[in-house]
N, C-alpha and C. Protein backbone atom coordinates (compact mmCIF):
# COMPACT_ATOMS: atom_id res chain seq x y z
N MET A 1 -68.36 -68.48 -82.93
CA MET A 1 -67.17 -68.17 -82.15
C MET A 1 -67.20 -66.71 -81.74
N LYS A 2 -67.05 -66.45 -80.49
CA LYS A 2 -67.08 -65.09 -79.98
C LYS A 2 -65.66 -64.57 -79.87
N MET A 3 -65.37 -63.47 -80.58
CA MET A 3 -64.00 -62.96 -80.60
C MET A 3 -63.65 -62.18 -79.33
N PHE A 4 -64.62 -61.43 -78.85
CA PHE A 4 -64.35 -60.58 -77.70
C PHE A 4 -65.25 -61.01 -76.56
N LYS A 5 -64.67 -61.65 -75.61
CA LYS A 5 -65.44 -62.11 -74.46
C LYS A 5 -65.44 -61.02 -73.40
N SER A 6 -66.60 -60.76 -72.84
CA SER A 6 -66.64 -59.78 -71.77
C SER A 6 -66.19 -60.46 -70.48
N LYS A 7 -65.36 -59.78 -69.77
CA LYS A 7 -64.83 -60.33 -68.53
C LYS A 7 -65.64 -59.75 -67.37
N ASN A 8 -65.93 -60.58 -66.41
CA ASN A 8 -66.62 -60.09 -65.22
C ASN A 8 -65.64 -59.33 -64.36
N LYS A 9 -66.02 -58.13 -63.99
CA LYS A 9 -65.15 -57.32 -63.14
C LYS A 9 -65.42 -57.67 -61.68
N PRO A 10 -64.36 -57.85 -60.91
CA PRO A 10 -64.57 -58.15 -59.49
C PRO A 10 -65.08 -56.90 -58.76
N ASP A 11 -65.86 -57.13 -57.72
CA ASP A 11 -66.32 -56.01 -56.91
C ASP A 11 -65.17 -55.52 -56.05
N LEU A 12 -64.82 -54.27 -56.23
CA LEU A 12 -63.72 -53.68 -55.47
C LEU A 12 -64.28 -52.86 -54.32
N PRO A 13 -63.55 -52.81 -53.22
CA PRO A 13 -64.02 -51.98 -52.10
C PRO A 13 -63.95 -50.50 -52.49
N ALA A 14 -64.72 -49.70 -51.79
CA ALA A 14 -64.73 -48.26 -52.05
C ALA A 14 -63.35 -47.68 -51.78
N ARG A 15 -62.99 -46.70 -52.59
CA ARG A 15 -61.70 -46.05 -52.44
C ARG A 15 -61.71 -45.19 -51.17
N PRO A 16 -60.62 -45.21 -50.40
CA PRO A 16 -60.60 -44.40 -49.17
C PRO A 16 -60.55 -42.92 -49.50
N LYS A 17 -61.02 -42.10 -48.56
CA LYS A 17 -60.98 -40.66 -48.75
C LYS A 17 -59.54 -40.18 -48.66
N PRO A 18 -59.16 -39.18 -49.47
CA PRO A 18 -57.80 -38.64 -49.37
C PRO A 18 -57.62 -37.91 -48.04
N PRO A 19 -56.39 -37.84 -47.54
CA PRO A 19 -56.17 -37.16 -46.26
C PRO A 19 -56.37 -35.66 -46.39
N THR A 20 -56.70 -35.04 -45.29
CA THR A 20 -56.85 -33.58 -45.26
C THR A 20 -55.46 -32.95 -45.16
N TRP A 21 -55.40 -31.64 -45.40
CA TRP A 21 -54.13 -30.93 -45.27
C TRP A 21 -53.59 -31.06 -43.85
N GLU A 22 -54.49 -31.01 -42.88
CA GLU A 22 -54.06 -31.11 -41.48
C GLU A 22 -53.44 -32.48 -41.20
N GLN A 23 -54.04 -33.52 -41.75
CA GLN A 23 -53.48 -34.87 -41.56
C GLN A 23 -52.12 -34.99 -42.23
N MET A 24 -51.98 -34.40 -43.42
CA MET A 24 -50.68 -34.45 -44.10
C MET A 24 -49.63 -33.67 -43.31
N GLU A 25 -50.03 -32.51 -42.81
CA GLU A 25 -49.09 -31.70 -42.04
C GLU A 25 -48.66 -32.45 -40.78
N GLU A 26 -49.62 -33.11 -40.13
CA GLU A 26 -49.30 -33.90 -38.94
C GLU A 26 -48.34 -35.03 -39.29
N ASP A 27 -48.56 -35.69 -40.42
CA ASP A 27 -47.66 -36.76 -40.87
C ASP A 27 -46.26 -36.22 -41.12
N LEU A 28 -46.19 -35.04 -41.73
CA LEU A 28 -44.88 -34.45 -42.02
C LEU A 28 -44.14 -34.08 -40.75
N ILE A 29 -44.86 -33.55 -39.79
CA ILE A 29 -44.22 -33.16 -38.53
C ILE A 29 -43.65 -34.39 -37.82
N SER A 30 -44.38 -35.50 -37.89
CA SER A 30 -43.93 -36.71 -37.20
C SER A 30 -43.03 -37.59 -38.06
N SER A 31 -42.73 -37.16 -39.28
CA SER A 31 -41.93 -38.00 -40.18
C SER A 31 -40.43 -37.87 -39.88
N THR A 32 -39.70 -38.84 -40.40
CA THR A 32 -38.24 -38.82 -40.29
C THR A 32 -37.64 -38.88 -41.69
N LYS A 33 -36.35 -38.73 -41.76
CA LYS A 33 -35.65 -38.76 -43.04
C LYS A 33 -35.79 -40.12 -43.72
N LYS A 34 -36.01 -41.17 -42.95
CA LYS A 34 -36.07 -42.52 -43.49
C LYS A 34 -37.46 -42.89 -44.01
N ASP A 35 -38.43 -41.99 -43.92
CA ASP A 35 -39.77 -42.28 -44.44
C ASP A 35 -39.71 -42.54 -45.94
N ILE A 36 -40.61 -43.36 -46.41
CA ILE A 36 -40.56 -43.83 -47.80
C ILE A 36 -40.62 -42.70 -48.82
N ILE A 37 -41.39 -41.66 -48.56
CA ILE A 37 -41.52 -40.60 -49.56
C ILE A 37 -40.18 -39.90 -49.79
N PHE A 38 -39.40 -39.73 -48.73
CA PHE A 38 -38.11 -39.09 -48.89
C PHE A 38 -37.09 -40.06 -49.49
N THR A 39 -37.25 -41.34 -49.22
CA THR A 39 -36.39 -42.35 -49.83
C THR A 39 -36.61 -42.39 -51.33
N ILE A 40 -37.88 -42.35 -51.75
CA ILE A 40 -38.19 -42.34 -53.18
C ILE A 40 -37.61 -41.10 -53.83
N ARG A 41 -37.78 -39.96 -53.19
CA ARG A 41 -37.25 -38.71 -53.73
C ARG A 41 -35.74 -38.80 -53.87
N ASN A 42 -35.08 -39.32 -52.85
CA ASN A 42 -33.63 -39.42 -52.89
C ASN A 42 -33.17 -40.39 -53.98
N LYS A 43 -33.90 -41.49 -54.18
CA LYS A 43 -33.54 -42.41 -55.26
C LYS A 43 -33.69 -41.72 -56.61
N LYS A 44 -34.75 -40.95 -56.77
CA LYS A 44 -34.98 -40.23 -58.02
C LYS A 44 -33.85 -39.23 -58.25
N ASP A 45 -33.45 -38.52 -57.20
CA ASP A 45 -32.35 -37.57 -57.31
C ASP A 45 -31.05 -38.29 -57.65
N SER A 46 -30.84 -39.48 -57.07
CA SER A 46 -29.63 -40.24 -57.36
C SER A 46 -29.59 -40.65 -58.82
N GLU A 47 -30.75 -41.06 -59.34
CA GLU A 47 -30.81 -41.44 -60.75
C GLU A 47 -30.52 -40.24 -61.64
N ALA A 48 -31.07 -39.08 -61.28
CA ALA A 48 -30.83 -37.87 -62.06
C ALA A 48 -29.35 -37.51 -62.01
N ASN A 49 -28.73 -37.68 -60.85
CA ASN A 49 -27.32 -37.36 -60.69
C ASN A 49 -26.46 -38.31 -61.52
N SER A 50 -26.84 -39.59 -61.57
CA SER A 50 -26.06 -40.54 -62.35
C SER A 50 -26.20 -40.29 -63.84
N LEU A 51 -27.24 -39.56 -64.23
CA LEU A 51 -27.43 -39.23 -65.64
C LEU A 51 -26.75 -37.92 -66.01
N GLY A 52 -25.92 -37.40 -65.14
CA GLY A 52 -25.16 -36.21 -65.47
C GLY A 52 -25.57 -34.97 -64.69
N GLY A 53 -26.51 -35.10 -63.78
CA GLY A 53 -26.91 -33.95 -62.97
C GLY A 53 -25.82 -33.60 -61.98
N SER A 54 -25.90 -32.41 -61.42
CA SER A 54 -24.87 -31.99 -60.48
C SER A 54 -25.50 -31.66 -59.13
N ILE A 55 -26.07 -32.68 -58.49
CA ILE A 55 -26.68 -32.51 -57.18
C ILE A 55 -25.67 -32.95 -56.13
N SER A 56 -25.42 -32.07 -55.17
CA SER A 56 -24.45 -32.40 -54.13
C SER A 56 -25.04 -33.43 -53.17
N GLU A 57 -24.17 -34.07 -52.40
CA GLU A 57 -24.62 -35.06 -51.42
C GLU A 57 -25.53 -34.42 -50.39
N ASP A 58 -25.23 -33.18 -49.98
CA ASP A 58 -26.07 -32.50 -48.98
C ASP A 58 -27.46 -32.22 -49.53
N GLU A 59 -27.55 -31.95 -50.84
CA GLU A 59 -28.86 -31.71 -51.44
C GLU A 59 -29.65 -33.01 -51.59
N LYS A 60 -28.95 -34.10 -51.91
CA LYS A 60 -29.61 -35.39 -52.10
C LYS A 60 -30.08 -35.97 -50.77
N PHE A 61 -29.23 -35.92 -49.78
CA PHE A 61 -29.51 -36.53 -48.49
C PHE A 61 -29.30 -35.52 -47.37
N PRO A 62 -30.21 -34.55 -47.25
CA PRO A 62 -30.02 -33.57 -46.19
C PRO A 62 -30.18 -34.23 -44.82
N LYS A 63 -29.47 -33.69 -43.86
CA LYS A 63 -29.60 -34.20 -42.50
C LYS A 63 -30.98 -33.85 -41.98
N GLU A 64 -31.50 -34.72 -41.14
CA GLU A 64 -32.87 -34.54 -40.65
C GLU A 64 -33.05 -33.18 -40.00
N GLU A 65 -32.05 -32.74 -39.26
CA GLU A 65 -32.18 -31.44 -38.59
C GLU A 65 -32.10 -30.27 -39.57
N ASP A 66 -31.61 -30.53 -40.79
CA ASP A 66 -31.52 -29.47 -41.79
C ASP A 66 -32.81 -29.29 -42.59
N ILE A 67 -33.74 -30.22 -42.46
CA ILE A 67 -35.00 -30.12 -43.20
C ILE A 67 -35.97 -29.29 -42.37
N SER A 68 -36.34 -28.16 -42.94
CA SER A 68 -37.26 -27.27 -42.23
C SER A 68 -38.70 -27.70 -42.46
N PRO A 69 -39.59 -27.27 -41.60
CA PRO A 69 -41.01 -27.56 -41.83
C PRO A 69 -41.49 -27.02 -43.18
N GLU A 70 -40.92 -25.90 -43.61
CA GLU A 70 -41.29 -25.34 -44.91
C GLU A 70 -40.90 -26.28 -46.04
N GLN A 71 -39.70 -26.88 -45.93
CA GLN A 71 -39.26 -27.83 -46.96
C GLN A 71 -40.14 -29.08 -46.95
N LEU A 72 -40.48 -29.55 -45.75
CA LEU A 72 -41.36 -30.70 -45.67
C LEU A 72 -42.71 -30.39 -46.29
N PHE A 73 -43.21 -29.19 -46.02
CA PHE A 73 -44.49 -28.79 -46.61
C PHE A 73 -44.37 -28.69 -48.13
N LYS A 74 -43.21 -28.19 -48.59
CA LYS A 74 -42.97 -28.10 -50.04
C LYS A 74 -42.99 -29.49 -50.67
N TYR A 75 -42.32 -30.46 -50.02
CA TYR A 75 -42.32 -31.83 -50.52
C TYR A 75 -43.74 -32.39 -50.55
N ALA A 76 -44.50 -32.14 -49.49
CA ALA A 76 -45.87 -32.63 -49.42
C ALA A 76 -46.73 -31.98 -50.50
N SER A 77 -46.54 -30.68 -50.70
CA SER A 77 -47.31 -29.98 -51.74
C SER A 77 -46.98 -30.53 -53.12
N LEU A 78 -45.71 -30.77 -53.35
CA LEU A 78 -45.29 -31.35 -54.63
C LEU A 78 -45.89 -32.74 -54.81
N PHE A 79 -45.90 -33.50 -53.74
CA PHE A 79 -46.51 -34.83 -53.78
C PHE A 79 -47.99 -34.72 -54.12
N VAL A 80 -48.69 -33.79 -53.49
CA VAL A 80 -50.12 -33.61 -53.75
C VAL A 80 -50.36 -33.19 -55.19
N GLU A 81 -49.52 -32.27 -55.70
CA GLU A 81 -49.65 -31.84 -57.10
C GLU A 81 -49.45 -33.03 -58.05
N ASN A 82 -48.41 -33.81 -57.80
CA ASN A 82 -48.14 -34.97 -58.65
C ASN A 82 -49.26 -36.00 -58.55
N ASN A 83 -49.78 -36.17 -57.34
CA ASN A 83 -50.88 -37.11 -57.14
C ASN A 83 -52.13 -36.63 -57.88
N ASP A 84 -52.41 -35.34 -57.82
CA ASP A 84 -53.55 -34.78 -58.56
C ASP A 84 -53.37 -34.98 -60.06
N GLU A 85 -52.15 -34.78 -60.54
CA GLU A 85 -51.88 -34.98 -61.97
C GLU A 85 -52.08 -36.45 -62.35
N LEU A 86 -51.62 -37.35 -61.49
CA LEU A 86 -51.83 -38.78 -61.75
C LEU A 86 -53.31 -39.12 -61.78
N ASN A 87 -54.07 -38.56 -60.83
CA ASN A 87 -55.51 -38.81 -60.81
C ASN A 87 -56.18 -38.27 -62.07
N SER A 88 -55.75 -37.10 -62.51
CA SER A 88 -56.29 -36.52 -63.73
C SER A 88 -55.97 -37.41 -64.93
N ASN A 89 -54.72 -37.88 -65.00
CA ASN A 89 -54.33 -38.77 -66.09
C ASN A 89 -55.09 -40.09 -66.03
N LEU A 90 -55.35 -40.57 -64.82
CA LEU A 90 -56.13 -41.79 -64.66
C LEU A 90 -57.54 -41.60 -65.21
N GLN A 91 -58.12 -40.44 -64.93
CA GLN A 91 -59.46 -40.15 -65.43
C GLN A 91 -59.46 -40.10 -66.96
N ILE A 92 -58.45 -39.45 -67.53
CA ILE A 92 -58.34 -39.37 -68.99
C ILE A 92 -58.19 -40.77 -69.59
N LEU A 93 -57.33 -41.58 -68.98
CA LEU A 93 -57.14 -42.95 -69.48
C LEU A 93 -58.42 -43.78 -69.36
N THR A 94 -59.15 -43.59 -68.28
CA THR A 94 -60.41 -44.31 -68.11
C THR A 94 -61.41 -43.92 -69.19
N GLU A 95 -61.48 -42.62 -69.48
CA GLU A 95 -62.37 -42.16 -70.55
C GLU A 95 -61.96 -42.75 -71.90
N LYS A 96 -60.66 -42.76 -72.16
CA LYS A 96 -60.17 -43.31 -73.43
C LYS A 96 -60.40 -44.82 -73.49
N GLN A 97 -60.26 -45.49 -72.36
CA GLN A 97 -60.52 -46.92 -72.31
C GLN A 97 -61.99 -47.20 -72.63
N ASN A 98 -62.88 -46.40 -72.06
CA ASN A 98 -64.31 -46.56 -72.34
C ASN A 98 -64.60 -46.31 -73.81
N LEU A 99 -63.95 -45.31 -74.38
CA LEU A 99 -64.12 -45.03 -75.80
C LEU A 99 -63.65 -46.22 -76.64
N LEU A 100 -62.49 -46.78 -76.28
CA LEU A 100 -61.99 -47.95 -77.00
C LEU A 100 -62.95 -49.14 -76.89
N LYS A 101 -63.54 -49.32 -75.72
CA LYS A 101 -64.51 -50.40 -75.55
C LYS A 101 -65.71 -50.18 -76.48
N ASP A 102 -66.19 -48.93 -76.53
CA ASP A 102 -67.32 -48.62 -77.41
C ASP A 102 -66.96 -48.87 -78.87
N VAL A 103 -65.79 -48.43 -79.28
CA VAL A 103 -65.34 -48.62 -80.66
C VAL A 103 -65.18 -50.11 -80.95
N SER A 104 -64.64 -50.84 -80.01
CA SER A 104 -64.46 -52.29 -80.18
C SER A 104 -65.81 -52.98 -80.35
N GLU A 105 -66.77 -52.60 -79.54
CA GLU A 105 -68.11 -53.19 -79.65
C GLU A 105 -68.74 -52.85 -80.99
N HIS A 106 -68.58 -51.61 -81.42
CA HIS A 106 -69.12 -51.19 -82.71
C HIS A 106 -68.44 -51.97 -83.84
N LEU A 107 -67.14 -52.15 -83.73
CA LEU A 107 -66.40 -52.91 -84.74
C LEU A 107 -66.88 -54.36 -84.78
N ARG A 108 -67.09 -54.93 -83.63
CA ARG A 108 -67.59 -56.31 -83.55
C ARG A 108 -68.94 -56.42 -84.24
N GLU A 109 -69.82 -55.47 -83.96
CA GLU A 109 -71.15 -55.48 -84.59
C GLU A 109 -71.03 -55.32 -86.10
N THR A 110 -70.14 -54.45 -86.54
CA THR A 110 -69.94 -54.24 -87.98
C THR A 110 -69.43 -55.52 -88.64
N VAL A 111 -68.48 -56.19 -88.01
CA VAL A 111 -67.95 -57.45 -88.55
C VAL A 111 -69.07 -58.49 -88.64
N GLU A 112 -69.91 -58.58 -87.63
CA GLU A 112 -71.03 -59.52 -87.66
C GLU A 112 -71.98 -59.20 -88.81
N ASN A 113 -72.26 -57.91 -89.00
CA ASN A 113 -73.14 -57.51 -90.11
C ASN A 113 -72.53 -57.85 -91.46
N VAL A 114 -71.24 -57.61 -91.62
CA VAL A 114 -70.56 -57.93 -92.88
C VAL A 114 -70.60 -59.44 -93.13
N LYS A 115 -70.39 -60.24 -92.07
CA LYS A 115 -70.47 -61.69 -92.22
C LYS A 115 -71.86 -62.11 -92.69
N LYS A 116 -72.89 -61.53 -92.06
CA LYS A 116 -74.27 -61.87 -92.44
C LYS A 116 -74.53 -61.49 -93.90
N GLN A 117 -74.08 -60.31 -94.29
CA GLN A 117 -74.27 -59.86 -95.67
C GLN A 117 -73.52 -60.77 -96.65
N ALA A 118 -72.33 -61.20 -96.27
CA ALA A 118 -71.56 -62.09 -97.14
C ALA A 118 -72.26 -63.43 -97.28
N LEU A 119 -72.82 -63.96 -96.18
CA LEU A 119 -73.55 -65.23 -96.25
C LEU A 119 -74.79 -65.10 -97.13
N VAL A 120 -75.49 -63.98 -97.00
CA VAL A 120 -76.68 -63.74 -97.83
C VAL A 120 -76.27 -63.66 -99.30
N ALA A 121 -75.17 -62.96 -99.59
CA ALA A 121 -74.70 -62.81 -100.97
C ALA A 121 -74.28 -64.16 -101.55
N ILE A 122 -73.64 -64.99 -100.75
CA ILE A 122 -73.18 -66.30 -101.21
C ILE A 122 -74.38 -67.22 -101.44
N ASP A 123 -75.33 -67.21 -100.50
CA ASP A 123 -76.49 -68.08 -100.59
C ASP A 123 -77.50 -67.58 -101.63
N GLY A 124 -77.54 -66.27 -101.81
CA GLY A 124 -78.60 -65.68 -102.57
C GLY A 124 -78.52 -65.68 -104.00
C-alpha cells in the first residue's frame, strides 16, 4: 500500500511578463474611479472604518476630479510594492513546500526501512 501518491502536475502556460512602469502609468491615466483596483481599495477602507477607523467619506470615495496623477501613481506604487511582497512570499512558500516534500519523502523512506527491519526481526 502506497501512503503518498505522487500527483501528476498539469502543464501550465508560461506566466505573462509584468507590465512596465510606462504601461502602468498609461493605465492609470486612462482609469476611472470605478476601476477594480480603486473599488478594492475602497472596500478595504470601508472595512477598516467599520472596525472603528475614522476615515471620512471624502477620503474613502474621492471624486474622480479630486484624484491627482500623483495620487494615482501613489496607488500604483503601493500596488506594485504589495505585489512584490506577495511574489516574495510566494517564493518563500514554494521553497518551504519543496522542503516539506523532501522531508515527507525522507519520512516515507524511513518508515519503509523500519517496516523492513521489523519484518526481519520478526522472521529472524
